Amino acid sequence: MKVGFRKPSLKKSLKARTTAKWKRQAKKALIPGYGKKGMGWVKNPKKAAYNKVYHKTTFGLSDILKLFK
């Protein structure tokens, strides 16, 4: 498990910002529970637990920039 600073990935951050609104709306219409809070624990509890610990033990560039605002 990683602890500390997350290496920034320009490719992943660009992908997250450019995912189309219509694509999310289509998935929400077709997949019951898509985008609902807590669905990760229902679908894959092991991965959800890992992600929760990972996000609590690491920090990224955006977290550092929020401190200076």
PDB file of N, CA and C in Angstrom:
ATOM      1  N   MET A   1       0.841  -1.186   0.000  1.00  0.00           N
ATOM      2  CA  MET A   1       0.000   0.000   0.000  1.00  0.00           C
ATOM      3  C   MET A   1       0.883   1.244   0.000  1.00  0.00           C
ATOM      4  N   LYS A   2       0.549   2.166  -0.882  1.00  0.00           N
ATOM      5  CA  LYS A   2       1.309   3.405  -1.011  1.00  0.00           C
ATOM      6  C   LYS A   2       0.935   4.363   0.117  1.00  0.00           C
ATOM      7  N   VAL A   3       1.949   5.065   0.614  1.00  0.00           N
ATOM      8  CA  VAL A   3       1.739   6.101   1.624  1.00  0.00           C
ATOM      9  C   VAL A   3       2.504   7.328   1.162  1.00  0.00           C
ATOM     10  N   GLY A   4       1.854   8.484   1.175  1.00  0.00           N
ATOM     11  CA  GLY A   4       2.539   9.709   0.795  1.00  0.00           C
ATOM     12  C   GLY A   4       2.016  10.311  -0.488  1.00  0.00           C
ATOM     13  N   PHE A   5       2.909  10.965  -1.252  1.00  0.00           N
ATOM     14  CA  PHE A   5       2.557  11.721  -2.435  1.00  0.00           C
ATOM     15  C   PHE A   5       2.254  10.816  -3.630  1.00  0.00           C
ATOM     16  N   ARG A   6       1.099  11.086  -4.315  1.00  0.00           N
ATOM     17  CA  ARG A   6       0.752  10.382  -5.551  1.00  0.00           C
ATOM     18  C   ARG A   6       1.378  11.117  -6.733  1.00  0.00           C
ATOM     19  N   LYS A   7       2.021  10.387  -7.628  1.00  0.00           N
ATOM     20  CA  LYS A   7       2.631  10.988  -8.813  1.00  0.00           C
ATOM     21  C   LYS A   7       1.522  11.458  -9.755  1.00  0.00           C
ATOM     22  N   PRO A   8       1.521  12.735 -10.162  1.00  0.00           N
ATOM     23  CA  PRO A   8       0.454  13.218 -11.030  1.00  0.00           C
ATOM     24  C   PRO A   8       0.510  12.596 -12.423  1.00  0.00           C
ATOM     25  N   SER A   9      -0.657  12.274 -12.977  1.00  0.00           N
ATOM     26  CA  SER A   9      -0.749  11.703 -14.314  1.00  0.00           C
ATOM     27  C   SER A   9      -1.595  12.637 -15.172  1.00  0.00           C
ATOM     28  N   LEU A  10      -0.953  13.325 -16.111  1.00  0.00           N
ATOM     29  CA  LEU A  10      -1.653  14.263 -16.985  1.00  0.00           C
ATOM     30  C   LEU A  10      -2.688  13.531 -17.838  1.00  0.00           C
ATOM     31  N   LYS A  11      -2.339  12.340 -18.312  1.00  0.00           N
ATOM     32  CA  LYS A  11      -3.235  11.550 -19.165  1.00  0.00           C
ATOM     33  C   LYS A  11      -4.539  11.201 -18.430  1.00  0.00           C
ATOM     34  N   LYS A  12      -4.419  10.731 -17.187  1.00  0.00           N
ATOM     35  CA  LYS A  12      -5.607  10.338 -16.429  1.00  0.00           C
ATOM     36  C   LYS A  12      -6.452  11.542 -16.030  1.00  0.00           C
ATOM     37  N   SER A  13      -5.803  12.663 -15.698  1.00  0.00           N
ATOM     38  CA  SER A  13      -6.571  13.837 -15.288  1.00  0.00           C
ATOM     39  C   SER A  13      -7.299  14.438 -16.483  1.00  0.00           C
ATOM     40  N   LEU A  14      -6.684  14.410 -17.670  1.00  0.00           N
ATOM     41  CA  LEU A  14      -7.342  14.895 -18.877  1.00  0.00           C
ATOM     42  C   LEU A  14      -8.535  14.007 -19.223  1.00  0.00           C
ATOM     43  N   LYS A  15      -8.373  12.693 -19.090  1.00  0.00           N
ATOM     44  CA  LYS A  15      -9.454  11.748 -19.377  1.00  0.00           C
ATOM     45  C   LYS A  15     -10.643  11.974 -18.443  1.00  0.00           C
ATOM     46  N   ALA A  16     -10.357  12.235 -17.170  1.00  0.00           N
ATOM     47  CA  ALA A  16     -11.422  12.453 -16.191  1.00  0.00           C
ATOM     48  C   ALA A  16     -12.190  13.748 -16.486  1.00  0.00           C
ATOM     49  N   ARG A  17     -11.492  14.753 -16.975  1.00  0.00           N
ATOM     50  CA  ARG A  17     -12.129  16.033 -17.262  1.00  0.00           C
ATOM     51  C   ARG A  17     -12.893  16.041 -18.570  1.00  0.00           C
ATOM     52  N   THR A  18     -12.562  15.148 -19.493  1.00  0.00           N
ATOM     53  CA  THR A  18     -13.191  15.174 -20.812  1.00  0.00           C
ATOM     54  C   THR A  18     -14.215  14.056 -21.025  1.00  0.00           C
ATOM     55  N   THR A  19     -14.502  13.271 -20.010  1.00  0.00           N
ATOM     56  CA  THR A  19     -15.544  12.254 -20.142  1.00  0.00           C
ATOM     57  C   THR A  19     -16.874  12.982 -20.331  1.00  0.00           C
ATOM     58  N   ALA A  20     -17.561  12.655 -21.392  1.00  0.00           N
ATOM     59  CA  ALA A  20     -18.749  13.400 -21.784  1.00  0.00           C
ATOM     60  C   ALA A  20     -19.910  13.211 -20.809  1.00  0.00           C
ATOM     61  N   LYS A  21     -20.679  14.290 -20.650  1.00  0.00           N
ATOM     62  CA  LYS A  21     -21.857  14.272 -19.787  1.00  0.00           C
ATOM     63  C   LYS A  21     -22.893  13.278 -20.325  1.00  0.00           C
ATOM     64  N   TRP A  22     -23.055  13.226 -21.661  1.00  0.00           N
ATOM     65  CA  TRP A  22     -24.040  12.320 -22.257  1.00  0.00           C
ATOM     66  C   TRP A  22     -23.685  10.859 -22.032  1.00  0.00           C
ATOM     67  N   LYS A  23     -22.374  10.562 -21.954  1.00  0.00           N
ATOM     68  CA  LYS A  23     -21.939   9.190 -21.711  1.00  0.00           C
ATOM     69  C   LYS A  23     -22.350   8.741 -20.301  1.00  0.00           C
ATOM     70  N   ARG A  24     -22.164   9.632 -19.322  1.00  0.00           N
ATOM     71  CA  ARG A  24     -22.575   9.317 -17.949  1.00  0.00           C
ATOM     72  C   ARG A  24     -24.091   9.171 -17.853  1.00  0.00           C
ATOM     73  N   GLN A  25     -24.823  10.025 -18.562  1.00  0.00           N
ATOM     74  CA  GLN A  25     -26.283   9.949 -18.538  1.00  0.00           C
ATOM     75  C   GLN A  25     -26.783   8.641 -19.147  1.00  0.00           C
ATOM     76  N   ALA A  26     -26.142   8.187 -20.215  1.00  0.00           N
ATOM     77  CA  ALA A  26     -26.536   6.936 -20.862  1.00  0.00           C
ATOM     78  C   ALA A  26     -26.294   5.752 -19.923  1.00  0.00           C
ATOM     79  N   LYS A  27     -25.132   5.739 -19.268  1.00  0.00           N
ATOM     80  CA  LYS A  27     -24.834   4.648 -18.338  1.00  0.00           C
ATOM     81  C   LYS A  27     -25.821   4.647 -17.179  1.00  0.00           C
ATOM     82  N   LYS A  28     -26.154   5.841 -16.690  1.00  0.00           N
ATOM     83  CA  LYS A  28     -27.091   5.944 -15.574  1.00  0.00           C
ATOM     84  C   LYS A  28     -28.467   5.407 -15.955  1.00  0.00           C
ATOM     85  N   ALA A  29     -28.871   5.619 -17.219  1.00  0.00           N
ATOM     86  CA  ALA A  29     -30.169   5.140 -17.697  1.00  0.00           C
ATOM     87  C   ALA A  29     -30.177   3.625 -17.892  1.00  0.00           C
ATOM     88  N   LEU A  30     -29.035   3.038 -18.278  1.00  0.00           N
ATOM     89  CA  LEU A  30     -28.978   1.612 -18.587  1.00  0.00           C
ATOM     90  C   LEU A  30     -28.598   0.726 -17.403  1.00  0.00           C
ATOM     91  N   ILE A  31     -27.719   1.235 -16.528  1.00  0.00           N
ATOM     92  CA  ILE A  31     -27.195   0.418 -15.438  1.00  0.00           C
ATOM     93  C   ILE A  31     -27.806   0.874 -14.117  1.00  0.00           C
ATOM     94  N   PRO A  32     -28.642   0.031 -13.490  1.00  0.00           N
ATOM     95  CA  PRO A  32     -29.226   0.437 -12.216  1.00  0.00           C
ATOM     96  C   PRO A  32     -28.152   0.570 -11.141  1.00  0.00           C
ATOM     97  N   GLY A  33     -28.168   1.669 -10.432  1.00  0.00           N
ATOM     98  CA  GLY A  33     -27.194   1.889  -9.374  1.00  0.00           C
ATOM     99  C   GLY A  33     -25.934   2.597  -9.833  1.00  0.00           C
ATOM    100  N   TYR A  34     -25.802   2.874 -11.153  1.00  0.00           N
ATOM    101  CA  TYR A  34     -24.604   3.560 -11.640  1.00  0.00           C
ATOM    102  C   TYR A  34     -24.567   4.992 -11.102  1.00  0.00           C
ATOM    103  N   GLY A  35     -23.442   5.331 -10.483  1.00  0.00           N
ATOM    104  CA  GLY A  35     -23.269   6.689  -9.984  1.00  0.00           C
ATOM    105  C   GLY A  35     -23.889   6.940  -8.623  1.00  0.00           C
ATOM    106  N   LYS A  36     -24.472   5.935  -8.033  1.00  0.00           N
ATOM    107  CA  LYS A  36     -25.068   6.098  -6.703  1.00  0.00           C
ATOM    108  C   LYS A  36     -23.997   5.936  -5.639  1.00  0.00           C
ATOM    109  N   LYS A  37     -24.113   6.695  -4.579  1.00  0.00           N
ATOM    110  CA  LYS A  37     -23.147   6.650  -3.490  1.00  0.00           C
ATOM    111  C   LYS A  37     -23.192   5.290  -2.788  1.00  0.00           C
ATOM    112  N   GLY A  38     -22.028   4.717  -2.554  1.00  0.00           N
ATOM    113  CA  GLY A  38     -21.933   3.454  -1.831  1.00  0.00           C
ATOM    114  C   GLY A  38     -22.064   2.206  -2.680  1.00  0.00           C
ATOM    115  N   MET A  39     -22.238   2.347  -3.983  1.00  0.00           N
ATOM    116  CA  MET A  39     -22.417   1.177  -4.848  1.00  0.00           C
ATOM    117  C   MET A  39     -21.118   0.379  -5.003  1.00  0.00           C
ATOM    118  N   GLY A  40     -19.983   1.014  -4.777  1.00  0.00           N
ATOM    119  CA  GLY A  40     -18.711   0.306  -4.847  1.00  0.00           C
ATOM    120  C   GLY A  40     -18.621  -0.785  -3.799  1.00  0.00           C
ATOM    121  N   TRP A  41     -19.174  -0.514  -2.621  1.00  0.00           N
ATOM    122  CA  TRP A  41     -19.166  -1.512  -1.540  1.00  0.00           C
ATOM    123  C   TRP A  41     -20.044  -2.702  -1.886  1.00  0.00           C
ATOM    124  N   VAL A  42     -21.111  -2.473  -2.643  1.00  0.00           N
ATOM    125  CA  VAL A  42     -22.007  -3.564  -3.035  1.00  0.00           C
ATOM    126  C   VAL A  42     -21.376  -4.398  -4.148  1.00  0.00           C
ATOM    127  N   LYS A  43     -20.790  -3.715  -5.132  1.00  0.00           N
ATOM    128  CA  LYS A  43     -20.244  -4.379  -6.317  1.00  0.00           C
ATOM    129  C   LYS A  43     -18.948  -5.130  -6.020  1.00  0.00           C
ATOM    130  N   ASN A  44     -18.012  -4.481  -5.318  1.00  0.00           N
ATOM    131  CA  ASN A  44     -16.712  -5.106  -5.048  1.00  0.00           C
ATOM    132  C   ASN A  44     -16.168  -4.567  -3.720  1.00  0.00           C
ATOM    133  N   PRO A  45     -16.545  -5.177  -2.578  1.00  0.00           N
ATOM    134  CA  PRO A  45     -16.153  -4.656  -1.268  1.00  0.00           C
ATOM    135  C   PRO A  45     -14.636  -4.632  -1.040  1.00  0.00           C
ATOM    136  N   LYS A  46     -13.914  -5.604  -1.585  1.00  0.00           N
ATOM    137  CA  LYS A  46     -12.460  -5.644  -1.388  1.00  0.00           C
ATOM    138  C   LYS A  46     -11.789  -4.435  -2.041  1.00  0.00           C
ATOM    139  N   LYS A  47     -12.185  -4.135  -3.260  1.00  0.00           N
ATOM    140  CA  LYS A  47     -11.633  -2.982  -3.979  1.00  0.00           C
ATOM    141  C   LYS A  47     -12.044  -1.665  -3.313  1.00  0.00           C
ATOM    142  N   ALA A  48     -13.285  -1.591  -2.840  1.00  0.00           N
ATOM    143  CA  ALA A  48     -13.777  -0.380  -2.179  1.00  0.00           C
ATOM    144  C   ALA A  48     -12.999  -0.112  -0.898  1.00  0.00           C
ATOM    145  N   ALA A  49     -12.699  -1.173  -0.140  1.00  0.00           N
ATOM    146  CA  ALA A  49     -11.923  -1.020   1.092  1.00  0.00           C
ATOM    147  C   ALA A  49     -10.501  -0.561   0.772  1.00  0.00           C
ATOM    148  N   TYR A  50      -9.891  -1.142  -0.258  1.00  0.00           N
ATOM    149  CA  TYR A  50      -8.546  -0.744  -0.670  1.00  0.00           C
ATOM    150  C   TYR A  50      -8.529   0.732  -1.076  1.00  0.00           C
ATOM    151  N   ASN A  51      -9.501   1.132  -1.886  1.00  0.00           N
ATOM    152  CA  ASN A  51      -9.555   2.519  -2.361  1.00  0.00           C
ATOM    153  C   ASN A  51      -9.748   3.502  -1.209  1.00  0.00           C
ATOM    154  N   LYS A  52     -10.547   3.144  -0.229  1.00  0.00           N
ATOM    155  CA  LYS A  52     -10.784   4.036   0.906  1.00  0.00           C
ATOM    156  C   LYS A  52      -9.488   4.252   1.694  1.00  0.00           C
ATOM    157  N   VAL A  53      -8.755   3.169   1.955  1.00  0.00           N
ATOM    158  CA  VAL A  53      -7.485   3.287   2.681  1.00  0.00           C
ATOM    159  C   VAL A  53      -6.469   4.050   1.841  1.00  0.00           C
ATOM    160  N   TYR A  54      -6.400   3.751   0.535  1.00  0.00           N
ATOM    161  CA  TYR A  54      -5.447   4.409  -0.363  1.00  0.00           C
ATOM    162  C   TYR A  54      -5.659   5.923  -0.383  1.00  0.00           C
ATOM    163  N   HIS A  55      -6.919   6.340  -0.487  1.00  0.00           N
ATOM    164  CA  HIS A  55      -7.204   7.775  -0.556  1.00  0.00           C
ATOM    165  C   HIS A  55      -7.010   8.478   0.782  1.00  0.00           C
ATOM    166  N   LYS A  56      -7.006   7.741   1.873  1.00  0.00           N
ATOM    167  CA  LYS A  56      -6.748   8.349   3.182  1.00  0.00           C
ATOM    168  C   LYS A  56      -5.258   8.421   3.504  1.00  0.00           C
ATOM    169  N   THR A  57      -4.440   7.568   2.878  1.00  0.00           N
ATOM    170  CA  THR A  57      -3.014   7.523   3.202  1.00  0.00           C
ATOM    171  C   THR A  57      -2.138   8.222   2.173  1.00  0.00           C
ATOM    172  N   THR A  58      -2.719   8.668   1.048  1.00  0.00           N
ATOM    173  CA  THR A  58      -1.935   9.355   0.029  1.00  0.00           C
ATOM    174  C   THR A  58      -2.517  10.737  -0.223  1.00  0.00           C
ATOM    175  N   PHE A  59      -1.732  11.591  -0.863  1.00  0.00           N
ATOM    176  CA  PHE A  59      -2.212  12.914  -1.246  1.00  0.00           C
ATOM    177  C   PHE A  59      -1.616  13.275  -2.597  1.00  0.00           C
ATOM    178  N   GLY A  60      -2.343  14.097  -3.326  1.00  0.00           N
ATOM    179  CA  GLY A  60      -1.898  14.475  -4.655  1.00  0.00           C
ATOM    180  C   GLY A  60      -1.605  15.962  -4.754  1.00  0.00           C
ATOM    181  N   LEU A  61      -1.254  16.383  -5.933  1.00  0.00           N
ATOM    182  CA  LEU A  61      -0.922  17.778  -6.187  1.00  0.00           C
ATOM    183  C   LEU A  61      -2.107  18.693  -5.897  1.00  0.00           C
ATOM    184  N   SER A  62      -3.312  18.257  -6.287  1.00  0.00           N
ATOM    185  CA  SER A  62      -4.498  19.085  -6.044  1.00  0.00           C
ATOM    186  C   SER A  62      -4.769  19.278  -4.556  1.00  0.00           C
ATOM    187  N   ASP A  63      -4.450  18.272  -3.745  1.00  0.00           N
ATOM    188  CA  ASP A  63      -4.613  18.392  -2.288  1.00  0.00           C
ATOM    189  C   ASP A  63      -3.674  19.438  -1.718  1.00  0.00           C
ATOM    190  N   ILE A  64      -2.462  19.497  -2.248  1.00  0.00           N
ATOM    191  CA  ILE A  64      -1.486  20.482  -1.783  1.00  0.00           C
ATOM    192  C   ILE A  64      -1.923  21.891  -2.187  1.00  0.00           C
ATOM    193  N   LEU A  65      -2.432  22.032  -3.422  1.00  0.00           N
ATOM    194  CA  LEU A  65      -2.871  23.339  -3.900  1.00  0.00           C
ATOM    195  C   LEU A  65      -4.083  23.862  -3.116  1.00  0.00           C
ATOM    196  N   LYS A  66      -4.941  22.944  -2.631  1.00  0.00           N
ATOM    197  CA  LYS A  66      -6.107  23.352  -1.840  1.00  0.00           C
ATOM    198  C   LYS A  66      -5.695  23.986  -0.520  1.00  0.00           C
ATOM    199  N   LEU A  67      -4.537  23.556   0.012  1.00  0.00           N
ATOM    200  CA  LEU A  67      -4.062  24.093   1.287  1.00  0.00           C
ATOM    201  C   LEU A  67      -3.700  25.573   1.184  1.00  0.00           C
ATOM    202  N   PHE A  68      -3.253  25.993   0.016  1.00  0.00           N
ATOM    203  CA  PHE A  68      -2.784  27.368  -0.155  1.00  0.00           C
ATOM    204  C   PHE A  68      -3.883  28.330  -0.612  1.00  0.00           C
ATOM    205  N   LYS A  69      -5.102  27.844  -0.794  1.00  0.00           N
ATOM    206  CA  LYS A  69      -6.208  28.719  -1.197  1.00  0.00           C
ATOM    207  C   LYS A  69      -6.779  29.455  -0.032  1.00  0.00           C
TER     208      LYS A  69
END
